[in-house]
Amino acid sequence: MDNKNVILLFLLLALGGSMFAQQRQVVILKKERVLARYQVGDVLAFAWKGDKKIQIQKILALNDTSIMMNLDTVAYYRIKKLDIRPKRQATFSERLGAYMMLAGVVLPLADLVNTTAVQNEDASIDRGVAITSTALFSGGALLFFTKGKYFKPGRNKRILIVEKGSPFYKAKLADDPLLYPKD
């Protein structure tokens, strides 16, 4: 074989390998529920086991047992903690906290409307309504803003690398709606 054919064969193998690597994803699970997913090109913030420093690196490729990044290769089972805050969905307690804060604001407003418009009295808020709305708002704020900073793998929390046939795999479209319109 001459040099041109060897180079062409090498390029075809490299492109085929990168296309296969694109089909894998890193999935963060908690009790069989997907909290976040990452694929090639996403940025991952993590800390090694035995290290306190958080590293932020871009995923270049995914193997069966490791994540290749721009500075090093990380075996996914050696990750101590992972920052998934930008990727995850709101939990039940965060949604409940948001509703409680909303109720804490709406309740005194509804009491003001009731006393002025319905009962034709001076604008005032009942003491019980004030206590209840304060309790709702502060309890909701605690639920809404108290979040764990990092995902730590453990008993019911796992990090998996999945392929296209896995039930946890979900295809992600590109962000550009002109190139990839949603159906």
C-alpha atoms as a PDB file:
ATOM      1  CA  MET A   1       0.000   0.000   0.000  1.00  0.00           C
ATOM      2  CA  ASP A   2       1.252   3.453  -0.769  1.00  0.00           C
ATOM      3  CA  ASN A   3       1.213   6.380   1.669  1.00  0.00           C
ATOM      4  CA  LYS A   4      -2.034   7.868   0.321  1.00  0.00           C
ATOM      5  CA  ASN A   5      -3.998   4.681   0.964  1.00  0.00           C
ATOM      6  CA  VAL A   6      -2.538   4.325   4.465  1.00  0.00           C
ATOM      7  CA  ILE A   7      -3.466   7.905   5.319  1.00  0.00           C
ATOM      8  CA  LEU A   8      -6.971   7.441   3.884  1.00  0.00           C
ATOM      9  CA  LEU A   9      -7.449   4.220   5.860  1.00  0.00           C
ATOM     10  CA  PHE A  10      -6.228   5.929   9.041  1.00  0.00           C
ATOM     11  CA  LEU A  11      -8.650   8.855   8.537  1.00  0.00           C
ATOM     12  CA  LEU A  12     -11.592   6.517   7.907  1.00  0.00           C
ATOM     13  CA  LEU A  13     -10.802   4.546  11.061  1.00  0.00           C
ATOM     14  CA  ALA A  14     -10.426   7.735  13.103  1.00  0.00           C
ATOM     15  CA  LEU A  15     -13.740   9.137  11.823  1.00  0.00           C
ATOM     16  CA  GLY A  16     -15.519   5.835  12.443  1.00  0.00           C
ATOM     17  CA  GLY A  17     -14.170   5.698  16.008  1.00  0.00           C
ATOM     18  CA  SER A  18     -15.230   9.274  16.731  1.00  0.00           C
ATOM     19  CA  MET A  19     -18.723   8.615  15.377  1.00  0.00           C
ATOM     20  CA  PHE A  20     -19.013   5.591  17.671  1.00  0.00           C
ATOM     21  CA  ALA A  21     -17.793   7.626  20.638  1.00  0.00           C
ATOM     22  CA  GLN A  22     -20.463  10.245  19.922  1.00  0.00           C
ATOM     23  CA  GLN A  23     -23.153   7.665  20.645  1.00  0.00           C
ATOM     24  CA  ARG A  24     -22.136   7.231  24.285  1.00  0.00           C
ATOM     25  CA  GLN A  25     -23.284   9.343  27.201  1.00  0.00           C
ATOM     26  CA  VAL A  26     -22.369   9.733  30.856  1.00  0.00           C
ATOM     27  CA  VAL A  27     -25.593   9.334  32.827  1.00  0.00           C
ATOM     28  CA  ILE A  28     -26.054  10.355  36.475  1.00  0.00           C
ATOM     29  CA  LEU A  29     -28.634   8.107  38.174  1.00  0.00           C
ATOM     30  CA  LYS A  30     -30.409   8.247  41.508  1.00  0.00           C
ATOM     31  CA  LYS A  31     -32.621   5.211  42.120  1.00  0.00           C
ATOM     32  CA  GLU A  32     -33.002   4.498  38.389  1.00  0.00           C
ATOM     33  CA  ARG A  33     -33.987   8.129  37.652  1.00  0.00           C
ATOM     34  CA  VAL A  34     -31.726  10.143  35.361  1.00  0.00           C
ATOM     35  CA  LEU A  35     -30.615  13.376  37.052  1.00  0.00           C
ATOM     36  CA  ALA A  36     -28.234  14.584  34.345  1.00  0.00           C
ATOM     37  CA  ARG A  37     -26.550  13.405  31.180  1.00  0.00           C
ATOM     38  CA  TYR A  38     -23.328  14.435  29.490  1.00  0.00           C
ATOM     39  CA  GLN A  39     -21.923  13.640  26.073  1.00  0.00           C
ATOM     40  CA  VAL A  40     -18.832  14.470  24.060  1.00  0.00           C
ATOM     41  CA  GLY A  41     -18.303  18.227  23.985  1.00  0.00           C
ATOM     42  CA  ASP A  42     -19.988  18.968  27.343  1.00  0.00           C
ATOM     43  CA  VAL A  43     -18.104  20.485  30.267  1.00  0.00           C
ATOM     44  CA  LEU A  44     -17.800  18.399  33.431  1.00  0.00           C
ATOM     45  CA  ALA A  45     -16.947  19.749  36.913  1.00  0.00           C
ATOM     46  CA  PHE A  46     -15.683  16.977  39.194  1.00  0.00           C
ATOM     47  CA  ALA A  47     -13.235  16.002  41.946  1.00  0.00           C
ATOM     48  CA  TRP A  48     -11.100  12.862  42.149  1.00  0.00           C
ATOM     49  CA  LYS A  49     -11.290  10.513  45.123  1.00  0.00           C
ATOM     50  CA  GLY A  50      -8.817  11.813  47.694  1.00  0.00           C
ATOM     51  CA  ASP A  51      -8.697  15.316  46.165  1.00  0.00           C
ATOM     52  CA  LYS A  52     -10.669  18.377  47.265  1.00  0.00           C
ATOM     53  CA  LYS A  53      -9.999  20.535  44.214  1.00  0.00           C
ATOM     54  CA  ILE A  54     -12.826  20.779  41.664  1.00  0.00           C
ATOM     55  CA  GLN A  55     -11.623  20.400  38.092  1.00  0.00           C
ATOM     56  CA  ILE A  56     -13.575  21.734  35.133  1.00  0.00           C
ATOM     57  CA  GLN A  57     -12.782  19.959  31.877  1.00  0.00           C
ATOM     58  CA  LYS A  58     -14.371  19.285  28.502  1.00  0.00           C
ATOM     59  CA  ILE A  59     -15.277  15.713  27.539  1.00  0.00           C
ATOM     60  CA  LEU A  60     -13.409  14.624  24.404  1.00  0.00           C
ATOM     61  CA  ALA A  61     -14.303  10.916  24.251  1.00  0.00           C
ATOM     62  CA  LEU A  62     -16.015   8.191  26.272  1.00  0.00           C
ATOM     63  CA  ASN A  63     -14.833   4.598  26.723  1.00  0.00           C
ATOM     64  CA  ASP A  64     -16.488   1.749  28.594  1.00  0.00           C
ATOM     65  CA  THR A  65     -14.743   2.640  31.855  1.00  0.00           C
ATOM     66  CA  SER A  66     -13.214   6.083  31.404  1.00  0.00           C
ATOM     67  CA  ILE A  67     -13.876   9.635  30.337  1.00  0.00           C
ATOM     68  CA  MET A  68     -11.175  11.238  28.207  1.00  0.00           C
ATOM     69  CA  MET A  69     -10.921  14.959  28.830  1.00  0.00           C
ATOM     70  CA  ASN A  70      -8.726  17.770  27.626  1.00  0.00           C
ATOM     71  CA  LEU A  71      -6.230  17.455  30.510  1.00  0.00           C
ATOM     72  CA  ASP A  72      -6.408  13.785  31.549  1.00  0.00           C
ATOM     73  CA  THR A  73      -8.338  10.537  31.446  1.00  0.00           C
ATOM     74  CA  VAL A  74     -10.686   9.803  34.364  1.00  0.00           C
ATOM     75  CA  ALA A  75     -12.058   6.407  35.303  1.00  0.00           C
ATOM     76  CA  TYR A  76     -15.678   7.223  36.144  1.00  0.00           C
ATOM     77  CA  TYR A  77     -15.627   5.060  39.280  1.00  0.00           C
ATOM     78  CA  ARG A  78     -12.795   7.250  40.672  1.00  0.00           C
ATOM     79  CA  ILE A  79     -14.953  10.391  40.689  1.00  0.00           C
ATOM     80  CA  LYS A  80     -15.680  11.462  44.275  1.00  0.00           C
ATOM     81  CA  LYS A  81     -18.106  14.288  43.563  1.00  0.00           C
ATOM     82  CA  LEU A  82     -19.666  15.854  40.519  1.00  0.00           C
ATOM     83  CA  ASP A  83     -21.288  19.249  40.049  1.00  0.00           C
ATOM     84  CA  ILE A  84     -24.553  18.652  38.165  1.00  0.00           C
ATOM     85  CA  ARG A  85     -26.344  21.868  39.147  1.00  0.00           C
ATOM     86  CA  PRO A  86     -26.482  23.345  35.619  1.00  0.00           C
ATOM     87  CA  LYS A  87     -27.743  20.056  34.134  1.00  0.00           C
ATOM     88  CA  ARG A  88     -30.289  18.752  36.595  1.00  0.00           C
ATOM     89  CA  GLN A  89     -34.022  19.191  36.907  1.00  0.00           C
ATOM     90  CA  ALA A  90     -35.665  20.731  39.989  1.00  0.00           C
ATOM     91  CA  THR A  91     -36.405  18.211  42.725  1.00  0.00           C
ATOM     92  CA  PHE A  92     -39.780  17.756  44.427  1.00  0.00           C
ATOM     93  CA  SER A  93     -38.677  19.706  47.502  1.00  0.00           C
ATOM     94  CA  GLU A  94     -37.449  22.622  45.355  1.00  0.00           C
ATOM     95  CA  ARG A  95     -40.758  22.786  43.480  1.00  0.00           C
ATOM     96  CA  LEU A  96     -42.690  22.537  46.776  1.00  0.00           C
ATOM     97  CA  GLY A  97     -40.541  25.347  48.196  1.00  0.00           C
ATOM     98  CA  ALA A  98     -41.307  27.562  45.198  1.00  0.00           C
ATOM     99  CA  TYR A  99     -45.046  26.960  45.618  1.00  0.00           C
ATOM    100  CA  MET A 100     -44.836  27.666  49.358  1.00  0.00           C
ATOM    101  CA  MET A 101     -43.005  30.961  48.726  1.00  0.00           C
ATOM    102  CA  LEU A 102     -45.648  31.902  46.165  1.00  0.00           C
ATOM    103  CA  ALA A 103     -48.405  31.059  48.653  1.00  0.00           C
ATOM    104  CA  GLY A 104     -46.615  33.142  51.307  1.00  0.00           C
ATOM    105  CA  VAL A 105     -46.790  36.182  48.996  1.00  0.00           C
ATOM    106  CA  VAL A 106     -50.308  35.609  47.632  1.00  0.00           C
ATOM    107  CA  LEU A 107     -51.959  34.957  51.017  1.00  0.00           C
ATOM    108  CA  PRO A 108     -51.523  38.497  52.463  1.00  0.00           C
ATOM    109  CA  LEU A 109     -52.487  40.019  49.115  1.00  0.00           C
ATOM    110  CA  ALA A 110     -55.659  37.944  49.081  1.00  0.00           C
ATOM    111  CA  ASP A 111     -56.380  39.026  52.675  1.00  0.00           C
ATOM    112  CA  LEU A 112     -55.941  42.688  51.673  1.00  0.00           C
ATOM    113  CA  VAL A 113     -58.344  42.259  48.765  1.00  0.00           C
ATOM    114  CA  ASN A 114     -60.805  40.490  51.067  1.00  0.00           C
ATOM    115  CA  THR A 115     -60.747  43.192  53.767  1.00  0.00           C
ATOM    116  CA  THR A 116     -60.939  46.161  51.389  1.00  0.00           C
ATOM    117  CA  ALA A 117     -63.117  44.994  48.501  1.00  0.00           C
ATOM    118  CA  VAL A 118     -65.373  42.370  50.047  1.00  0.00           C
ATOM    119  CA  GLN A 119     -65.770  43.529  53.660  1.00  0.00           C
ATOM    120  CA  ASN A 120     -65.425  47.293  52.939  1.00  0.00           C
ATOM    121  CA  GLU A 121     -63.004  47.846  55.858  1.00  0.00           C
ATOM    122  CA  ASP A 122     -59.684  49.624  56.139  1.00  0.00           C
ATOM    123  CA  ALA A 123     -56.716  47.933  54.479  1.00  0.00           C
ATOM    124  CA  SER A 124     -55.112  45.691  57.091  1.00  0.00           C
ATOM    125  CA  ILE A 125     -53.638  42.228  57.320  1.00  0.00           C
ATOM    126  CA  ASP A 126     -54.853  39.863  60.016  1.00  0.00           C
ATOM    127  CA  ARG A 127     -52.198  38.766  62.539  1.00  0.00           C
ATOM    128  CA  GLY A 128     -52.833  35.054  61.820  1.00  0.00           C
ATOM    129  CA  VAL A 129     -52.490  35.634  58.086  1.00  0.00           C
ATOM    130  CA  ALA A 130     -49.198  37.483  58.637  1.00  0.00           C
ATOM    131  CA  ILE A 131     -47.798  34.642  60.766  1.00  0.00           C
ATOM    132  CA  THR A 132     -48.952  31.989  58.283  1.00  0.00           C
ATOM    133  CA  SER A 133     -47.564  33.813  55.258  1.00  0.00           C
ATOM    134  CA  THR A 134     -44.228  34.399  57.008  1.00  0.00           C
ATOM    135  CA  ALA A 135     -44.021  30.702  57.912  1.00  0.00           C
ATOM    136  CA  LEU A 136     -44.937  29.645  54.369  1.00  0.00           C
ATOM    137  CA  PHE A 137     -42.430  31.991  52.759  1.00  0.00           C
ATOM    138  CA  SER A 138     -39.525  31.147  55.092  1.00  0.00           C
ATOM    139  CA  GLY A 139     -40.187  27.390  54.947  1.00  0.00           C
ATOM    140  CA  GLY A 140     -40.459  27.544  51.185  1.00  0.00           C
ATOM    141  CA  ALA A 141     -37.214  29.503  50.940  1.00  0.00           C
ATOM    142  CA  LEU A 142     -35.458  26.837  53.025  1.00  0.00           C
ATOM    143  CA  LEU A 143     -36.738  24.087  50.750  1.00  0.00           C
ATOM    144  CA  PHE A 144     -36.037  26.005  47.550  1.00  0.00           C
ATOM    145  CA  PHE A 145     -32.556  27.346  48.263  1.00  0.00           C
ATOM    146  CA  THR A 146     -31.103  24.491  50.330  1.00  0.00           C
ATOM    147  CA  LYS A 147     -29.493  22.253  47.747  1.00  0.00           C
ATOM    148  CA  GLY A 148     -26.589  19.917  47.871  1.00  0.00           C
ATOM    149  CA  LYS A 149     -23.715  21.477  46.018  1.00  0.00           C
ATOM    150  CA  TYR A 150     -22.416  18.259  44.528  1.00  0.00           C
ATOM    151  CA  PHE A 151     -23.580  14.822  43.455  1.00  0.00           C
ATOM    152  CA  LYS A 152     -21.666  12.171  45.391  1.00  0.00           C
ATOM    153  CA  PRO A 153     -21.843   8.594  44.076  1.00  0.00           C
ATOM    154  CA  GLY A 154     -22.939   6.127  46.715  1.00  0.00           C
ATOM    155  CA  ARG A 155     -25.530   3.476  47.475  1.00  0.00           C
ATOM    156  CA  ASN A 156     -28.424   4.640  45.286  1.00  0.00           C
ATOM    157  CA  LYS A 157     -26.476   7.176  43.242  1.00  0.00           C
ATOM    158  CA  ARG A 158     -24.457   6.021  40.260  1.00  0.00           C
ATOM    159  CA  ILE A 159     -22.468   7.284  37.307  1.00  0.00           C
ATOM    160  CA  LEU A 160     -22.835   5.156  34.180  1.00  0.00           C
ATOM    161  CA  ILE A 161     -21.522   5.325  30.643  1.00  0.00           C
ATOM    162  CA  VAL A 162     -24.342   4.163  28.372  1.00  0.00           C
ATOM    163  CA  GLU A 163     -24.612   3.461  24.666  1.00  0.00           C
ATOM    164  CA  LYS A 164     -27.406   4.064  22.204  1.00  0.00           C
ATOM    165  CA  GLY A 165     -29.311   0.829  22.971  1.00  0.00           C
ATOM    166  CA  SER A 166     -29.555   1.478  26.719  1.00  0.00           C
ATOM    167  CA  PRO A 167     -32.901   2.491  28.288  1.00  0.00           C
ATOM    168  CA  PHE A 168     -31.112   5.432  29.954  1.00  0.00           C
ATOM    169  CA  TYR A 169     -29.814   6.795  26.647  1.00  0.00           C
ATOM    170  CA  LYS A 170     -31.590   9.815  25.217  1.00  0.00           C
ATOM    171  CA  ALA A 171     -30.567  11.562  22.034  1.00  0.00           C
ATOM    172  CA  LYS A 172     -29.747  15.222  22.521  1.00  0.00           C
ATOM    173  CA  LEU A 173     -30.319  17.683  19.725  1.00  0.00           C
ATOM    174  CA  ALA A 174     -27.953  20.512  18.973  1.00  0.00           C
ATOM    175  CA  ASP A 175     -28.806  23.938  20.350  1.00  0.00           C
ATOM    176  CA  ASP A 176     -29.116  25.566  16.927  1.00  0.00           C
ATOM    177  CA  PRO A 177     -32.833  25.367  15.937  1.00  0.00           C
ATOM    178  CA  LEU A 178     -32.093  26.397  12.347  1.00  0.00           C
ATOM    179  CA  LEU A 179     -29.813  23.447  11.685  1.00  0.00           C
ATOM    180  CA  TYR A 180     -31.747  20.931  13.772  1.00  0.00           C
ATOM    181  CA  PRO A 181     -35.430  21.891  14.008  1.00  0.00           C
ATOM    182  CA  LYS A 182     -37.501  20.124  16.666  1.00  0.00           C
ATOM    183  CA  ASP A 183     -40.423  18.027  15.465  1.00  0.00           C
END
